[in-house]
Amino acid sequence: MELYRIFLKKQIRNYIFGSAVAVLAVGSLLMLSSLEISRVEYYRLLLVLLCSFVIMASIEITVFLRQTRPIRAALIQEHAALSMLEEAYLHTHQLPKRAIQRIMGPHLLGLSVPALLLTFWMIHAGWVTFPYFYLILAMCCAVLVACMHALIEFFLTCTSIIPLIKEFRNRALEQYSVDFSLEGYVFVPIRPKFLVSCMLIGTFPLFLFIMATHIRMNGEGDSIVVVGLQSYWAWAGMVLLIGTLFSSIAAWLLTNSVQHPIHELYQAMNQVKDGNLVQVQDEYSDEFSKLVAGFNMMVRGLQAREQQSRQLLDSYFSTLAVALDARDSYTAGHSLRVAEYSVIIGQLAGLRGQELDDLRKSALLHDIGKIGVRDSILFKEEALTDEEFLQIQSHTVLGENILRQIEPADKMAPFLGGVRSHHERYDGHGYPDGLAGTAIPLHGRIIAVADAYDAMTSNRPYRKGMDHERALGILEQGRGSQWDPEFAGLFLGYFGRKPEALKDAQPIQAG
């Protein structure tokens, strides 16, 4: 609750400051230096302003309390509900915009309407002697005062709400482990904020000067009024038009100069969020250059960490493959060779970048499930029983299940298909799922060719490895039945054996 009292004090101080600047800027110029009235009439006008101010203050205080009700309610309760904290958090962000609405609504109407009615009655009763036309000028002045006050109040409120925003966010984190964020939502776009601010700053002095000069000239005598006022307003209108046009162009240029680097940085941040670590070209000569330099420094740091993580992950995969192959001296290096052959096939098939890297990692781990197969079965030299053969076949499913235990799960997802399906046959007679044709995952079809070639050309305790040409001949015979015809053909073509059917074959795109 102490924080709310501090906030109220700031708001009252900001309100008094904004009112004083806006009212004194207009009132002192028009009433003290331009408007020539008697002391009695001056006091009567001050009384009108005082009565109008009381009415305005009553209405505006009521509206302000209503605007801050969710904030007050959340601060009063030590353990407010999460929904109450979230409502207060969003409501606080909207306070600058609501300050403008409050001043251009209750503030402007609550002051100007009673003041105009009371002054009109005084002119009619003869208590003040200036013309009715001055009421129109007074209304214009009231709008100017409200605009300038709203401008000041908006920017001061933007500063005063920061402690409240931090408080609601910290309480949500501490009590509910929830972090509040607008997620890029914009309550007040920068373009209208800059346009309105610059136009007010540029045209406000012109309006004051034109109205003050008119009042001054009107008090100099009838001859001046008759001769000069008509041409004066033509001149004043041109000056006002040129001033407004200049302010609009300046505001537009200023807005674009600020929006462009913000847009560039926002687009770059979205790409970084999606994993594309791009840097922003530094084309600015103001403080945005420092911001871009800081952003690029952050990206370079992320790139270095990404490279370290990639190297660590590559080392992790290679270590697992080497550890698996170390169980049997006869198959040492099998996983590394299968990965090498798979990459060759993948490159010939048109795989690039991350797709090729995922294929290599899948191949490195394709036999990881054999960790769960007993050595007595895995290294048995005699013929396997049906039960033992089923256990050997289970290594594909077991390997997939092992990878599913590794977190984060989405990082392992690209490798699951190759590990599970590298013993599927193109004709549908493979295992574990009996998939056929292109229903077999892409990595599984590629690894199957590479795995078969290395298995045929490697020595085993119970047999000597085949020679290169014989292994290629078996691959050629099994194209379209055991192995994918395109991938087997690409591998055969790599070694100079191109069947007629493959001479015009196009590289297979990943998909």
Protein backbone atom coordinates (compact mmCIF):
# COMPACT_ATOMS: atom_id res chain seq x y z
CA MET A 1 0.00 0.00 0.00
CA GLU A 2 2.98 2.28 0.61
CA LEU A 3 3.86 1.94 -3.07
CA TYR A 4 0.37 3.13 -4.03
CA ARG A 5 0.72 6.21 -1.79
CA ILE A 6 4.03 7.04 -3.43
CA PHE A 7 2.41 6.61 -6.83
CA LEU A 8 -0.46 8.93 -5.84
CA LYS A 9 1.98 11.59 -4.68
CA LYS A 10 3.81 11.41 -7.99
CA GLN A 11 0.56 11.64 -9.93
CA ILE A 12 -0.59 14.67 -7.92
CA ARG A 13 2.80 16.34 -8.39
CA ASN A 14 2.74 15.56 -12.13
CA TYR A 15 -0.81 16.86 -12.43
CA ILE A 16 -0.02 20.13 -10.69
CA PHE A 17 3.09 20.61 -12.80
CA GLY A 18 1.27 19.91 -16.06
CA SER A 19 -1.63 22.15 -15.14
CA ALA A 20 0.65 24.98 -14.07
CA VAL A 21 2.71 24.87 -17.25
CA ALA A 22 -0.28 24.69 -19.57
CA VAL A 23 -2.56 27.13 -17.72
CA LEU A 24 0.13 29.72 -17.01
CA ALA A 25 1.40 29.56 -20.59
CA VAL A 26 -2.05 30.44 -21.92
CA GLY A 27 -3.56 32.35 -19.03
CA SER A 28 -0.64 34.68 -18.44
CA LEU A 29 -0.35 35.51 -22.12
CA LEU A 30 -4.04 36.05 -22.83
CA MET A 31 -5.42 37.37 -19.54
CA LEU A 32 -2.47 39.32 -18.14
CA SER A 33 -0.75 40.72 -21.22
CA SER A 34 -3.45 40.80 -23.93
CA LEU A 35 -6.88 41.07 -22.34
CA GLU A 36 -7.51 44.65 -21.17
CA ILE A 37 -10.25 44.58 -18.52
CA SER A 38 -10.86 46.31 -15.20
CA ARG A 39 -9.68 44.90 -11.90
CA VAL A 40 -13.27 44.06 -10.90
CA GLU A 41 -13.89 42.17 -14.14
CA TYR A 42 -10.59 40.39 -13.68
CA TYR A 43 -11.63 39.16 -10.20
CA ARG A 44 -15.02 38.08 -11.55
CA LEU A 45 -13.30 35.99 -14.22
CA LEU A 46 -11.05 34.46 -11.58
CA LEU A 47 -14.16 33.52 -9.60
CA VAL A 48 -15.59 31.84 -12.71
CA LEU A 49 -12.38 29.88 -13.15
CA LEU A 50 -12.39 28.88 -9.48
CA CYS A 51 -15.97 27.54 -9.64
CA SER A 52 -15.22 25.70 -12.87
CA PHE A 53 -12.07 24.24 -11.35
CA VAL A 54 -14.02 22.81 -8.39
CA ILE A 55 -16.47 21.14 -10.77
CA MET A 56 -13.65 19.82 -12.95
CA ALA A 57 -11.67 18.51 -9.97
CA SER A 58 -14.67 16.63 -8.58
CA ILE A 59 -15.33 14.89 -11.88
CA GLU A 60 -11.69 14.18 -12.65
CA ILE A 61 -10.90 12.74 -9.21
CA THR A 62 -13.84 10.38 -9.56
CA VAL A 63 -12.64 9.22 -12.98
CA PHE A 64 -9.03 8.85 -11.77
CA LEU A 65 -10.08 6.68 -8.82
CA ARG A 66 -12.09 4.50 -11.18
CA GLN A 67 -9.12 4.16 -13.54
CA THR A 68 -6.77 3.10 -10.74
CA ARG A 69 -9.25 0.81 -8.92
CA PRO A 70 -7.69 -2.50 -10.17
CA ILE A 71 -4.22 -1.23 -9.25
CA ARG A 72 -5.30 -0.17 -5.77
CA ALA A 73 -7.13 -3.48 -5.18
CA ALA A 74 -4.09 -5.56 -6.14
CA LEU A 75 -1.69 -3.52 -3.98
CA ILE A 76 -3.92 -3.61 -0.90
CA GLN A 77 -3.97 -7.43 -0.81
CA GLU A 78 -0.67 -8.98 0.21
CA HIS A 79 -1.46 -12.25 -1.59
CA ALA A 80 -3.65 -11.16 -4.48
CA ALA A 81 -4.90 -13.74 -6.96
CA LEU A 82 -2.92 -14.21 -10.15
CA SER A 83 -5.80 -12.94 -12.27
CA MET A 84 -5.99 -9.77 -10.13
CA LEU A 85 -2.24 -9.17 -10.49
CA GLU A 86 -2.44 -9.67 -14.25
CA GLU A 87 -5.37 -7.27 -14.56
CA ALA A 88 -3.50 -4.66 -12.51
CA TYR A 89 -0.34 -5.20 -14.60
CA LEU A 90 -2.20 -4.60 -17.88
CA HIS A 91 -4.19 -1.71 -16.39
CA THR A 92 -0.98 -0.02 -15.25
CA HIS A 93 0.43 -0.17 -18.78
CA GLN A 94 -2.71 1.62 -20.00
CA LEU A 95 -2.53 4.48 -17.49
CA PRO A 96 -0.64 6.92 -19.80
CA LYS A 97 -3.29 6.44 -22.48
CA ARG A 98 -6.07 6.77 -19.90
CA ALA A 99 -4.45 9.98 -18.61
CA ILE A 100 -4.94 11.50 -22.07
CA GLN A 101 -8.56 10.34 -22.13
CA ARG A 102 -9.13 11.77 -18.65
CA ILE A 103 -7.71 15.19 -19.47
CA MET A 104 -9.33 15.52 -22.88
CA GLY A 105 -12.64 14.37 -21.39
CA PRO A 106 -13.57 15.20 -17.76
CA HIS A 107 -10.78 17.74 -17.41
CA LEU A 108 -11.57 19.70 -20.58
CA LEU A 109 -15.35 19.52 -20.41
CA GLY A 110 -15.54 19.86 -16.63
CA LEU A 111 -13.62 23.13 -16.79
CA SER A 112 -14.63 24.71 -20.09
CA VAL A 113 -18.38 24.05 -20.13
CA PRO A 114 -19.17 25.61 -16.71
CA ALA A 115 -16.70 28.46 -17.39
CA LEU A 116 -18.27 29.27 -20.77
CA LEU A 117 -21.82 29.18 -19.38
CA LEU A 118 -20.94 31.39 -16.39
CA THR A 119 -19.00 33.87 -18.54
CA PHE A 120 -21.82 34.01 -21.09
CA TRP A 121 -24.24 34.84 -18.26
CA MET A 122 -21.88 37.55 -16.93
CA ILE A 123 -21.56 39.18 -20.38
CA HIS A 124 -25.34 39.09 -20.77
CA ALA A 125 -25.79 40.59 -17.28
CA GLY A 126 -23.19 43.29 -18.00
CA TRP A 127 -20.74 42.14 -15.31
CA VAL A 128 -17.94 41.88 -17.89
CA THR A 129 -17.70 44.02 -21.03
CA PHE A 130 -15.72 42.06 -23.64
CA PRO A 131 -17.51 40.69 -26.78
CA TYR A 132 -19.13 37.26 -27.11
CA PHE A 133 -16.54 36.38 -29.75
CA TYR A 134 -14.01 36.06 -26.95
CA LEU A 135 -15.87 32.96 -25.74
CA ILE A 136 -14.87 31.18 -28.96
CA LEU A 137 -11.28 32.20 -28.38
CA ALA A 138 -11.58 31.03 -24.78
CA MET A 139 -12.81 27.60 -25.96
CA CYS A 140 -9.86 27.35 -28.35
CA CYS A 141 -7.55 28.24 -25.48
CA ALA A 142 -9.17 25.58 -23.30
CA VAL A 143 -8.52 22.95 -25.97
CA LEU A 144 -4.90 24.11 -26.25
CA VAL A 145 -4.46 23.96 -22.49
CA ALA A 146 -5.95 20.47 -22.36
CA CYS A 147 -3.74 19.24 -25.24
CA MET A 148 -0.56 20.56 -23.67
CA HIS A 149 -1.55 19.24 -20.26
CA ALA A 150 -2.35 15.82 -21.74
CA LEU A 151 1.02 15.76 -23.51
CA ILE A 152 2.91 16.53 -20.29
CA GLU A 153 0.77 14.14 -18.24
CA PHE A 154 1.28 11.30 -20.72
CA PHE A 155 5.08 11.36 -20.58
CA LEU A 156 5.23 11.92 -16.82
CA THR A 157 2.82 9.00 -16.25
CA CYS A 158 4.99 6.75 -18.44
CA THR A 159 7.76 7.29 -15.91
CA SER A 160 5.68 7.06 -12.73
CA ILE A 161 4.12 3.65 -13.56
CA ILE A 162 7.47 1.83 -13.85
CA PRO A 163 7.68 0.89 -10.11
CA LEU A 164 4.11 -0.48 -10.26
CA ILE A 165 4.87 -2.62 -13.30
CA LYS A 166 7.96 -4.05 -11.58
CA GLU A 167 5.98 -4.73 -8.40
CA PHE A 168 3.21 -6.71 -10.12
CA ARG A 169 5.70 -8.66 -12.21
CA ASN A 170 7.88 -9.53 -9.19
CA ARG A 171 4.89 -10.59 -7.09
CA ALA A 172 3.63 -12.87 -9.88
CA LEU A 173 7.08 -14.45 -10.14
CA GLU A 174 7.51 -14.92 -6.39
CA GLN A 175 4.00 -16.12 -5.57
CA TYR A 176 2.96 -18.00 -8.73
CA SER A 177 6.20 -18.46 -10.76
CA VAL A 178 4.53 -16.64 -13.67
CA ASP A 179 6.32 -13.92 -15.62
CA PHE A 180 4.09 -11.15 -16.99
CA SER A 181 4.92 -9.68 -20.38
CA LEU A 182 3.08 -7.75 -23.08
CA GLU A 183 4.72 -10.06 -25.66
CA GLY A 184 5.24 -7.14 -28.02
CA TYR A 185 1.69 -5.77 -27.74
CA VAL A 186 1.60 -1.99 -28.21
CA PHE A 187 -0.93 0.17 -26.37
CA VAL A 188 0.27 3.47 -27.83
CA PRO A 189 2.04 3.19 -31.23
CA ILE A 190 5.10 5.36 -31.63
CA ARG A 191 3.89 6.98 -34.87
CA PRO A 192 0.79 8.77 -33.47
CA LYS A 193 2.69 9.55 -30.28
CA PHE A 194 5.44 11.35 -32.19
CA LEU A 195 3.11 12.97 -34.71
CA VAL A 196 0.79 14.44 -32.09
CA SER A 197 3.65 15.52 -29.83
CA CYS A 198 5.59 17.28 -32.59
CA MET A 199 2.50 18.95 -34.02
CA LEU A 200 1.51 20.28 -30.61
CA ILE A 201 5.01 21.52 -29.89
CA GLY A 202 5.20 23.20 -33.29
CA THR A 203 1.73 24.75 -33.51
CA PHE A 204 1.04 25.62 -29.86
CA PRO A 205 3.12 28.84 -29.89
CA LEU A 206 1.53 29.87 -33.20
CA PHE A 207 -1.98 29.49 -31.85
CA LEU A 208 -1.11 31.49 -28.76
CA PHE A 209 0.55 34.24 -30.74
CA ILE A 210 -2.31 34.55 -33.21
CA MET A 211 -5.03 34.70 -30.54
CA ALA A 212 -3.07 37.05 -28.28
CA THR A 213 -2.38 39.39 -31.21
CA HIS A 214 -6.04 39.39 -32.18
CA ILE A 215 -7.13 40.32 -28.66
CA ARG A 216 -4.48 43.02 -28.49
CA MET A 217 -5.45 44.51 -31.85
CA ASN A 218 -9.12 44.36 -30.95
CA GLY A 219 -8.42 46.53 -27.95
CA GLU A 220 -6.58 49.26 -29.89
CA GLY A 221 -9.65 50.94 -31.32
CA ASP A 222 -12.35 50.65 -33.98
CA SER A 223 -10.19 52.02 -36.81
CA ILE A 224 -7.61 49.31 -36.32
CA VAL A 225 -10.30 46.67 -35.99
CA VAL A 226 -12.02 47.72 -39.24
CA VAL A 227 -8.86 48.18 -41.26
CA GLY A 228 -6.60 45.48 -39.85
CA LEU A 229 -8.48 42.48 -38.49
CA GLN A 230 -9.69 41.09 -41.79
CA SER A 231 -6.24 41.15 -43.40
CA TYR A 232 -4.73 40.01 -40.09
CA TRP A 233 -6.72 36.78 -40.07
CA ALA A 234 -5.78 36.07 -43.67
CA TRP A 235 -2.14 36.49 -42.74
CA ALA A 236 -2.53 34.54 -39.48
CA GLY A 237 -4.27 31.67 -41.29
CA MET A 238 -1.39 31.39 -43.75
CA VAL A 239 1.17 31.43 -40.93
CA LEU A 240 -0.78 28.80 -39.04
CA LEU A 241 -1.11 26.61 -42.14
CA ILE A 242 2.61 26.81 -42.90
CA GLY A 243 3.50 26.13 -39.26
CA THR A 244 1.18 23.14 -39.08
CA LEU A 245 2.53 21.76 -42.36
CA PHE A 246 6.12 22.17 -41.21
CA SER A 247 5.36 20.49 -37.86
CA SER A 248 3.64 17.57 -39.63
CA ILE A 249 6.57 17.00 -42.00
CA ALA A 250 9.09 17.23 -39.15
CA ALA A 251 7.02 14.81 -37.05
CA TRP A 252 6.77 12.38 -39.98
CA LEU A 253 10.51 12.46 -40.62
CA LEU A 254 11.33 12.08 -36.93
CA THR A 255 8.92 9.17 -36.58
CA ASN A 256 10.42 7.35 -39.55
CA SER A 257 13.96 7.86 -38.27
CA VAL A 258 12.98 6.21 -34.98
CA GLN A 259 10.68 3.52 -36.37
CA HIS A 260 13.15 2.18 -38.94
CA PRO A 261 15.88 0.97 -36.52
CA ILE A 262 13.22 -0.30 -34.12
CA HIS A 263 11.64 -2.31 -36.93
CA GLU A 264 15.02 -3.67 -38.03
CA LEU A 265 15.90 -4.76 -34.50
CA TYR A 266 12.47 -6.29 -33.94
CA GLN A 267 12.74 -8.33 -37.16
CA ALA A 268 16.21 -9.49 -36.16
CA MET A 269 15.00 -10.48 -32.68
CA ASN A 270 12.23 -12.57 -34.24
CA GLN A 271 14.81 -14.39 -36.34
CA VAL A 272 17.00 -14.96 -33.28
CA LYS A 273 13.96 -16.33 -31.47
CA ASP A 274 13.47 -18.81 -34.33
CA GLY A 275 17.11 -19.92 -34.08
CA ASN A 276 18.53 -17.84 -36.94
CA LEU A 277 21.35 -15.90 -35.32
CA VAL A 278 21.56 -12.91 -37.66
CA GLN A 279 23.27 -9.59 -37.04
CA VAL A 280 21.86 -6.16 -37.89
CA GLN A 281 23.75 -3.94 -40.30
CA ASP A 282 24.91 -0.82 -38.45
CA GLU A 283 23.77 2.08 -40.64
CA TYR A 284 23.00 4.63 -37.94
CA SER A 285 25.03 7.54 -36.61
CA ASP A 286 23.05 8.28 -33.44
CA GLU A 287 22.43 6.34 -30.21
CA PHE A 288 20.76 3.57 -32.21
CA SER A 289 24.27 2.67 -33.36
CA LYS A 290 25.09 1.73 -29.75
CA LEU A 291 21.89 -0.31 -29.55
CA VAL A 292 22.71 -2.16 -32.78
CA ALA A 293 26.29 -2.74 -31.59
CA GLY A 294 24.98 -4.19 -28.32
CA PHE A 295 22.52 -6.42 -30.18
CA ASN A 296 25.22 -7.70 -32.53
CA MET A 297 27.53 -8.33 -29.57
CA MET A 298 24.78 -10.42 -27.98
CA VAL A 299 24.26 -12.37 -31.23
CA ARG A 300 27.99 -13.06 -31.53
CA GLY A 301 27.96 -14.39 -27.98
CA LEU A 302 25.01 -16.63 -28.83
CA GLN A 303 26.79 -17.81 -31.98
CA ALA A 304 29.86 -18.75 -29.93
CA ARG A 305 27.72 -20.65 -27.43
CA GLU A 306 25.82 -22.31 -30.27
CA GLN A 307 29.10 -23.43 -31.80
CA GLN A 308 30.30 -24.79 -28.44
CA SER A 309 27.00 -26.59 -27.91
CA ARG A 310 27.15 -28.03 -31.43
CA GLN A 311 30.72 -29.26 -30.89
CA LEU A 312 29.75 -30.73 -27.53
CA LEU A 313 26.73 -32.48 -29.06
CA ASP A 314 28.79 -33.81 -31.97
CA SER A 315 31.35 -35.12 -29.52
CA TYR A 316 28.56 -36.69 -27.47
CA PHE A 317 27.15 -38.54 -30.48
CA SER A 318 30.57 -39.69 -31.64
CA THR A 319 31.45 -40.87 -28.12
CA LEU A 320 28.26 -42.91 -27.90
CA ALA A 321 28.97 -44.48 -31.27
CA VAL A 322 32.57 -45.33 -30.34
CA ALA A 323 31.46 -46.70 -26.95
CA LEU A 324 28.92 -48.94 -28.70
CA ASP A 325 31.43 -50.21 -31.25
CA ALA A 326 33.99 -50.85 -28.51
CA ARG A 327 31.94 -53.82 -27.31
CA ASP A 328 33.16 -55.80 -30.29
CA SER A 329 36.61 -55.40 -31.82
CA TYR A 330 35.32 -56.85 -35.10
CA THR A 331 32.75 -54.08 -35.56
CA ALA A 332 34.93 -51.24 -34.29
CA GLY A 333 34.25 -48.11 -36.30
CA HIS A 334 31.04 -49.52 -37.80
CA SER A 335 28.84 -46.59 -36.68
CA LEU A 336 31.35 -44.01 -37.88
CA ARG A 337 31.61 -45.68 -41.29
CA VAL A 338 27.84 -45.98 -41.64
CA ALA A 339 27.56 -42.27 -40.83
CA GLU A 340 30.18 -41.48 -43.48
CA TYR A 341 28.42 -43.56 -46.15
CA SER A 342 25.03 -42.10 -45.18
CA VAL A 343 26.35 -38.56 -45.61
CA ILE A 344 27.65 -39.46 -49.08
CA ILE A 345 24.23 -40.77 -50.09
CA GLY A 346 22.50 -37.76 -48.49
CA GLN A 347 24.68 -35.31 -50.41
CA LEU A 348 23.99 -37.11 -53.67
CA ALA A 349 20.27 -36.98 -52.84
CA GLY A 350 20.37 -33.22 -52.38
CA LEU A 351 20.37 -32.97 -48.59
CA ARG A 352 22.14 -29.91 -47.22
CA GLY A 353 22.84 -28.13 -43.94
CA GLN A 354 20.81 -29.20 -40.94
CA GLU A 355 19.09 -32.05 -42.80
CA LEU A 356 22.46 -33.61 -43.63
CA ASP A 357 23.69 -33.12 -40.08
CA ASP A 358 20.56 -34.82 -38.69
CA LEU A 359 21.17 -37.75 -41.04
CA ARG A 360 24.76 -38.10 -39.84
CA LYS A 361 23.73 -38.13 -36.18
CA SER A 362 20.95 -40.65 -36.87
CA ALA A 363 23.52 -42.92 -38.55
CA LEU A 364 25.96 -42.58 -35.66
CA LEU A 365 23.27 -43.80 -33.24
CA HIS A 366 21.46 -46.26 -35.51
CA ASP A 367 22.60 -49.27 -33.43
CA ILE A 368 22.36 -47.63 -29.99
CA GLY A 369 19.66 -50.11 -29.03
CA LYS A 370 22.18 -52.99 -29.10
CA ILE A 371 23.31 -51.78 -25.70
CA GLY A 372 20.25 -53.60 -24.36
CA VAL A 373 21.02 -56.90 -26.14
CA ARG A 374 22.96 -59.52 -24.15
CA ASP A 375 26.52 -60.22 -25.31
CA SER A 376 25.78 -63.94 -25.42
CA ILE A 377 23.24 -63.28 -28.16
CA LEU A 378 24.91 -60.34 -29.89
CA PHE A 379 28.24 -62.17 -30.35
CA LYS A 380 26.90 -65.70 -30.81
CA GLU A 381 28.70 -67.47 -33.68
CA GLU A 382 26.18 -70.29 -34.09
CA ALA A 383 22.75 -69.89 -35.68
CA LEU A 384 20.34 -67.88 -33.57
CA THR A 385 17.10 -69.33 -32.28
CA ASP A 386 13.85 -67.61 -33.19
CA GLU A 387 13.66 -66.06 -29.72
CA GLU A 388 17.25 -64.83 -29.93
CA PHE A 389 16.63 -63.38 -33.38
CA LEU A 390 13.62 -61.48 -32.03
CA GLN A 391 15.83 -60.01 -29.34
CA ILE A 392 18.33 -58.88 -31.97
CA GLN A 393 15.50 -57.29 -33.95
CA SER A 394 14.28 -55.45 -30.86
CA HIS A 395 17.37 -53.22 -30.90
CA THR A 396 15.65 -50.81 -33.32
CA VAL A 397 12.71 -50.16 -30.98
CA LEU A 398 14.97 -50.18 -27.94
CA GLY A 399 17.23 -47.58 -29.58
CA GLU A 400 14.28 -45.31 -30.26
CA ASN A 401 13.11 -45.66 -26.65
CA ILE A 402 16.59 -44.78 -25.37
CA LEU A 403 16.67 -41.58 -27.43
CA ARG A 404 13.17 -40.65 -26.25
CA GLN A 405 14.52 -40.46 -22.69
CA ILE A 406 16.96 -37.70 -23.64
CA GLU A 407 15.81 -34.12 -23.00
CA PRO A 408 14.82 -31.89 -24.61
CA ALA A 409 12.66 -34.31 -26.58
CA ASP A 410 12.31 -32.04 -29.61
CA LYS A 411 16.09 -32.11 -30.13
CA MET A 412 16.06 -35.92 -30.40
CA ALA A 413 12.98 -36.10 -32.63
CA PRO A 414 14.89 -35.84 -35.97
CA PHE A 415 16.91 -38.99 -35.13
CA LEU A 416 14.10 -41.32 -34.07
CA GLY A 417 12.94 -42.34 -37.55
CA GLY A 418 16.37 -43.42 -38.75
CA VAL A 419 17.15 -45.39 -35.58
CA ARG A 420 13.82 -47.26 -35.61
CA SER A 421 13.46 -47.96 -39.31
CA HIS A 422 16.96 -48.72 -40.65
CA HIS A 423 16.06 -52.44 -40.91
CA GLU A 424 12.83 -51.90 -42.80
CA ARG A 425 12.79 -53.32 -46.34
CA TYR A 426 11.55 -51.40 -49.36
CA ASP A 427 9.21 -54.30 -50.20
CA GLY A 428 7.65 -54.23 -46.73
CA HIS A 429 9.21 -57.42 -45.34
CA GLY A 430 11.53 -55.72 -42.88
CA TYR A 431 11.19 -54.94 -39.17
CA PRO A 432 10.01 -53.65 -36.72
CA ASP A 433 6.89 -52.20 -38.42
CA GLY A 434 6.82 -53.81 -41.85
CA LEU A 435 6.79 -50.44 -43.62
CA ALA A 436 7.21 -50.33 -47.39
CA GLY A 437 8.35 -47.82 -50.01
CA THR A 438 8.36 -44.16 -49.12
CA ALA A 439 6.38 -44.90 -45.95
CA ILE A 440 9.77 -45.74 -44.48
CA PRO A 441 11.33 -42.58 -43.01
CA LEU A 442 13.92 -40.91 -45.22
CA HIS A 443 16.82 -41.47 -42.82
CA GLY A 444 15.89 -45.12 -42.42
CA ARG A 445 16.02 -45.75 -46.19
CA ILE A 446 19.42 -44.06 -46.50
CA ILE A 447 20.99 -45.69 -43.42
CA ALA A 448 19.74 -49.12 -44.54
CA VAL A 449 21.93 -48.94 -47.67
CA ALA A 450 24.99 -47.65 -45.80
CA ASP A 451 24.54 -50.18 -42.95
CA ALA A 452 24.17 -53.12 -45.31
CA TYR A 453 27.28 -52.20 -47.31
CA ASP A 454 29.46 -51.83 -44.20
CA ALA A 455 28.05 -55.01 -42.65
CA MET A 456 28.85 -56.98 -45.83
CA THR A 457 32.39 -55.64 -46.14
CA SER A 458 33.35 -55.97 -42.44
CA ASN A 459 34.91 -59.05 -40.88
CA ARG A 460 32.94 -61.07 -38.33
CA PRO A 461 34.08 -63.84 -35.94
CA TYR A 462 32.10 -66.34 -38.01
CA ARG A 463 32.97 -65.04 -41.51
CA LYS A 464 35.36 -62.87 -43.48
CA GLY A 465 34.03 -59.64 -44.96
CA MET A 466 33.02 -59.59 -48.63
CA ASP A 467 35.07 -57.78 -51.18
CA HIS A 468 33.87 -54.40 -52.42
CA GLU A 469 32.60 -55.54 -55.82
CA ARG A 470 30.56 -58.43 -54.46
CA ALA A 471 28.88 -56.15 -51.88
CA LEU A 472 27.98 -53.68 -54.61
CA GLY A 473 26.55 -56.51 -56.67
CA ILE A 474 24.27 -57.57 -53.82
CA LEU A 475 23.13 -53.97 -53.39
CA GLU A 476 22.36 -53.82 -57.11
CA GLN A 477 20.36 -57.03 -56.94
CA GLY A 478 18.41 -55.79 -53.91
CA ARG A 479 17.44 -52.40 -55.40
CA GLY A 480 13.67 -52.00 -55.21
CA SER A 481 13.19 -55.07 -53.00
CA GLN A 482 15.39 -54.76 -49.91
CA TRP A 483 16.65 -51.21 -50.46
CA ASP A 484 15.24 -47.98 -51.82
CA PRO A 485 16.09 -48.08 -55.56
CA GLU A 486 17.03 -44.42 -55.77
CA PHE A 487 19.32 -44.35 -52.73
CA ALA A 488 20.93 -47.69 -53.56
CA GLY A 489 21.43 -46.45 -57.13
CA LEU A 490 23.07 -43.22 -55.94
CA PHE A 491 25.46 -45.22 -53.75
CA LEU A 492 26.30 -47.57 -56.62
CA GLY A 493 26.81 -44.59 -58.92
CA TYR A 494 29.21 -43.07 -56.41
CA PHE A 495 31.47 -46.10 -56.94
CA GLY A 496 31.12 -45.95 -60.72
CA ARG A 497 28.40 -48.58 -61.10
CA LYS A 498 25.43 -46.94 -62.84
CA PRO A 499 22.69 -49.26 -64.05
CA GLU A 500 20.91 -48.07 -67.18
CA ALA A 501 17.82 -47.18 -65.17
CA LEU A 502 19.85 -44.73 -63.12
CA LYS A 503 21.67 -42.78 -65.79
CA ASP A 504 18.97 -40.13 -66.02
CA ALA A 505 17.86 -40.26 -62.37
CA GLN A 506 17.53 -36.87 -60.64
CA PRO A 507 18.73 -36.28 -57.06
CA ILE A 508 16.01 -36.90 -54.52
CA GLN A 509 15.04 -33.84 -52.52
CA ALA A 510 14.53 -34.06 -48.78
CA GLY A 511 10.94 -34.22 -47.69
